[in-house]
Protein backbone atom coordinates (compact mmCIF):
# COMPACT_ATOMS: atom_id res chain seq x y z
CA MET A 1 33.17 -23.78 -173.91
CA GLY A 2 35.20 -25.71 -171.32
CA LYS A 3 36.29 -29.30 -171.32
CA THR A 4 33.81 -31.97 -170.37
CA PHE A 5 34.71 -35.27 -168.83
CA GLU A 6 32.92 -38.17 -167.25
CA LYS A 7 33.40 -39.43 -163.68
CA ASN A 8 32.05 -42.59 -162.09
CA PHE A 9 30.80 -42.63 -158.50
CA ARG A 10 29.69 -45.62 -156.46
CA ASN A 11 28.65 -46.34 -152.89
CA GLY A 12 28.23 -49.56 -150.89
CA PHE A 13 31.85 -49.84 -149.76
CA PRO A 14 32.56 -51.09 -146.22
CA LEU A 15 32.53 -48.77 -143.22
CA ASN A 16 35.66 -46.69 -143.18
CA GLY A 17 36.20 -44.59 -140.08
CA ARG A 18 33.84 -41.63 -140.36
CA LEU A 19 32.66 -42.71 -143.83
CA GLY A 20 29.68 -45.06 -143.99
CA ASN A 21 28.56 -47.49 -146.66
CA GLU A 22 26.26 -44.83 -148.14
CA THR A 23 29.23 -42.57 -148.90
CA PHE A 24 29.89 -42.07 -152.61
CA TYR A 25 33.46 -42.49 -153.85
CA GLU A 26 34.86 -41.57 -157.24
CA ILE A 27 36.06 -44.70 -159.04
CA ILE A 28 39.39 -43.77 -160.60
CA ALA A 29 40.49 -47.30 -161.52
CA ASP A 30 37.97 -50.15 -161.51
CA GLY A 31 38.94 -53.78 -161.37
CA GLU A 32 37.83 -57.26 -160.37
CA LYS A 33 40.50 -57.64 -157.64
CA ILE A 34 41.38 -54.13 -156.50
CA GLN A 35 40.08 -50.63 -157.17
CA PHE A 36 41.61 -47.19 -156.71
CA ILE A 37 38.99 -44.79 -155.40
CA ASN A 38 38.81 -41.22 -154.13
CA PHE A 39 36.69 -39.49 -151.53
CA ALA A 40 36.69 -35.85 -152.59
CA ASN A 41 35.52 -33.27 -150.10
CA ALA A 42 35.76 -29.58 -149.36
CA PHE A 43 35.98 -27.77 -146.05
CA LEU A 44 35.89 -24.19 -144.89
CA SER A 45 39.24 -22.79 -143.76
CA ASN A 46 40.47 -19.41 -142.58
CA ALA A 47 43.06 -17.50 -144.60
CA ASN A 48 44.82 -14.63 -142.88
CA SER A 49 46.88 -12.21 -144.94
CA TYR A 50 50.03 -10.65 -143.53
CA GLY A 51 49.32 -7.14 -142.35
CA GLY A 52 45.63 -7.55 -143.06
CA SER A 53 43.07 -7.05 -140.38
CA SER A 54 40.34 -9.27 -141.74
CA ALA A 55 40.36 -13.04 -142.12
CA LYS A 56 38.91 -14.58 -145.24
CA GLN A 57 37.16 -17.90 -145.32
CA LEU A 58 37.98 -20.16 -148.25
CA PHE A 59 36.75 -23.54 -149.39
CA THR A 60 39.67 -25.96 -149.52
CA ASN A 61 39.41 -29.10 -151.64
CA ALA A 62 40.83 -32.35 -150.27
CA ASP A 63 41.20 -35.81 -151.78
CA GLU A 64 41.39 -39.01 -149.75
CA TYR A 65 42.62 -41.94 -151.82
CA TYR A 66 41.78 -45.56 -151.00
CA ILE A 67 42.42 -48.98 -152.43
CA PHE A 68 39.46 -51.32 -152.14
CA ASP A 69 40.50 -54.97 -151.98
CA ARG A 70 37.46 -56.94 -153.12
CA ALA A 71 38.75 -60.32 -151.87
CA SER A 72 39.18 -59.18 -148.27
CA GLY A 73 36.51 -56.47 -148.42
CA THR A 74 38.90 -53.91 -146.93
CA MET A 75 39.60 -50.25 -147.60
CA ILE A 76 43.25 -49.19 -147.45
CA ARG A 77 44.02 -45.48 -147.22
CA THR A 78 46.90 -44.48 -149.48
CA LYS A 79 48.38 -41.67 -151.51
CA LYS A 80 48.54 -41.30 -155.28
CA SER A 81 52.18 -42.36 -155.64
CA ILE A 82 53.97 -45.53 -156.71
CA ALA A 83 55.74 -45.84 -153.33
CA ALA A 84 52.54 -45.42 -151.29
CA ILE A 85 50.55 -47.89 -153.40
CA ALA A 86 53.40 -50.44 -153.27
CA GLU A 87 53.51 -50.06 -149.47
CA SER A 88 49.72 -50.42 -149.23
CA LEU A 89 49.74 -53.60 -151.33
CA PRO A 90 52.78 -55.64 -150.22
CA SER A 91 51.72 -58.72 -152.18
CA TYR A 92 51.74 -56.61 -155.39
CA LYS A 93 54.88 -54.60 -154.58
CA GLU A 94 57.21 -56.28 -157.09
CA LEU A 95 54.62 -56.06 -159.88
CA ILE A 96 53.87 -52.39 -159.08
CA LEU A 97 57.56 -51.48 -159.26
CA LYS A 98 58.09 -53.54 -162.44
CA VAL A 99 55.09 -52.02 -164.26
CA SER A 100 55.96 -48.48 -163.15
CA VAL A 101 59.49 -48.82 -164.56
CA GLU A 102 58.46 -50.57 -167.80
CA LYS A 103 55.63 -48.13 -168.56
CA LYS A 104 57.46 -45.09 -167.06
CA LEU A 105 54.54 -44.33 -164.74
CA LYS A 106 54.70 -41.43 -162.30
CA LEU A 107 50.92 -41.36 -161.58
CA ARG A 108 50.73 -37.70 -162.59
CA ASN A 109 47.26 -38.21 -164.00
CA GLU A 110 44.32 -40.60 -163.68
CA ASP A 111 45.13 -42.35 -166.97
CA GLU A 112 48.43 -43.55 -165.50
CA VAL A 113 46.62 -44.78 -162.36
CA ARG A 114 44.15 -46.69 -164.55
CA LEU A 115 47.00 -48.25 -166.53
CA LEU A 116 48.74 -49.44 -163.35
CA PHE A 117 45.56 -50.94 -161.87
CA LYS A 118 44.68 -52.60 -165.17
CA GLU A 119 48.00 -54.45 -164.97
CA LEU A 120 47.45 -55.31 -161.28
CA ASN A 121 44.01 -56.76 -161.98
CA HIS A 122 45.26 -59.21 -164.63
């Protein structure tokens, strides 16, 4: 049998471009000040093979990462990297860089993201 894991989803976030407040986001890192969330979606794309005469249609998965700042009620689009998160949160930049060096975080997995945001929410 395969691995099982639990994911949290929540809606009610502010309007965000094409995404309304009824859109469900995956909560990767929860917190009282800021949260790291993901809008996961899939879309149909065409895949052509070299020398092949027929095109195949494939579902392509895409992740859109956001930081939700509870104090200002804003959604900030970002990437899952130390540099992108530091750029998205200038007031936390020094702390982000300090924590990432001390804890040797590369944000390769969700546990590392949770650890970073736990430190940022203290």
